[in-house]
Structure formats: structure tokens, C-alpha cells
Amino acid sequence: MPFGTHWEWRGFGQTDEQFRAWFKTLPFLYPPSNAPLRDEYLWTPGCVHNVKLRYDALKFKRFCERRGEFECWREDASEFLPFPLDREHLRELGRLLDARLPEIPPGPVERATLLAIIARADPPVQRITVIKRRRLAQWRLAGDETSVVLEWTRIEQPEAIETVAIEHDDLALTWAAHARLAPHLARLQPLNYLQAIGRWLGK
């Protein structure tokens, strides 16, 4: 999803064949890649924010509010943080994870140092590697001038499963798009990534 504040519906499970065939006809938001995406999520039982290691950077996606099955999230380009990190970035990490971190050493923080710090956090920070093949597309609903973003992702690890997300900065349009697609997403359970990770961990 492009940076900014947006509403999102997300589900995990299996899509039907009709949805998959239709999705492939939509214009892609970004050129598709054959390489899988590897995200390493940082998770604690009290965390409501999406925190992960992607490529050689730490990335924050902040939870804002929930209305039924729809959630509002905020992503800021300034919070895609390449290593080395500043100490303030780690203080913010502790706040977002709702975890107490041990003393942060002076100077820039490299990836290995970050991993050593969160290994001693209270409560412990779980690291969950998710390998996925993701596609983002634009879908313009009939009669509307704007497009919603559709994400269709095949997760390969830690479980072979699909996830679909419907995203737009307007809740009403997100809701309308979901209502149109609901029959094809009936086998998906509404969950965000944090909830899915909790299930993978047996929490």
C-alpha cells in the first residue's frame, strides 16, 4: 500500500478460482516481481501495531482504529528506517511493541545489535518470518472516479495460505468494495497480520 492513512479489510484463507482469474485482469499498482518477499515480524501479546524487518530496514505501520471488520492504519515514509538506526528509533520500537527494552548502547544501532536487544525485552519479542508472493492492483468501482487498492498474497511460510486486503482512505468506499467481493472471499477469515501471527504462535 502507498504511504498514508487508509482503511483496510483483510482476510486469511483461500480465494475462489473466479476471484483469482478476475484479479489477474486488473492493472497492477507496481510491476509484479517473481521473487518472494521476506518479512520478519516483531510480535508481542500486547502489540497492536505492525512492526517488521523488511530488506535492510525496520518498518512501522501504526494501528489507528477499528470499526467492525475494517481497520484504519497509518504508514509514513519517514518510518521506513534503514539500518543503522538511531537510539530514538529503538525507544519508539519499544513503545509500539508495548515492551521494555534493555539499555540501548550509544551510537548507531545495526541489525545484529537490534536483534540482541529485543531478545532481552520484557515481554519477549517473537520474530516470525513470513515469506510471501504479493500482488497489488487497482480496481475502479462502477460509478466511482477513484480506485481501491486490492492486495492478493500467497503466503508460503509459516503456512501455505492466501491473504486478501481491500484498501482505500475512505471507509465507505472500502466497505462498498468488500460488499461487492464478499461472495468470492467467503472462505477468508477477517484477520490482520498481528492476529494471524498470534494464531501461528498458538496464542
Foldseek 3Di string as FASTA:
>chain_A
DDAFKKKKWKWKFDFDPVVVVVVVVFAFPDPFDPAKWKWKWKADPPAPWTWIQGDQWIFTKAWDDDDVRMTMIGGDPVRGGGPQDAVVNVVVVCVRRVKAWPDDDDDTHGPVNVVVGQCPIVPRIDIAMKIKRKTWGWDDDPPDPGTWIKMWMAIDPPDGMIMIMTMDRDPVVSVVVCVVCVVRCVRTDTDDPNVVVCVVVVD
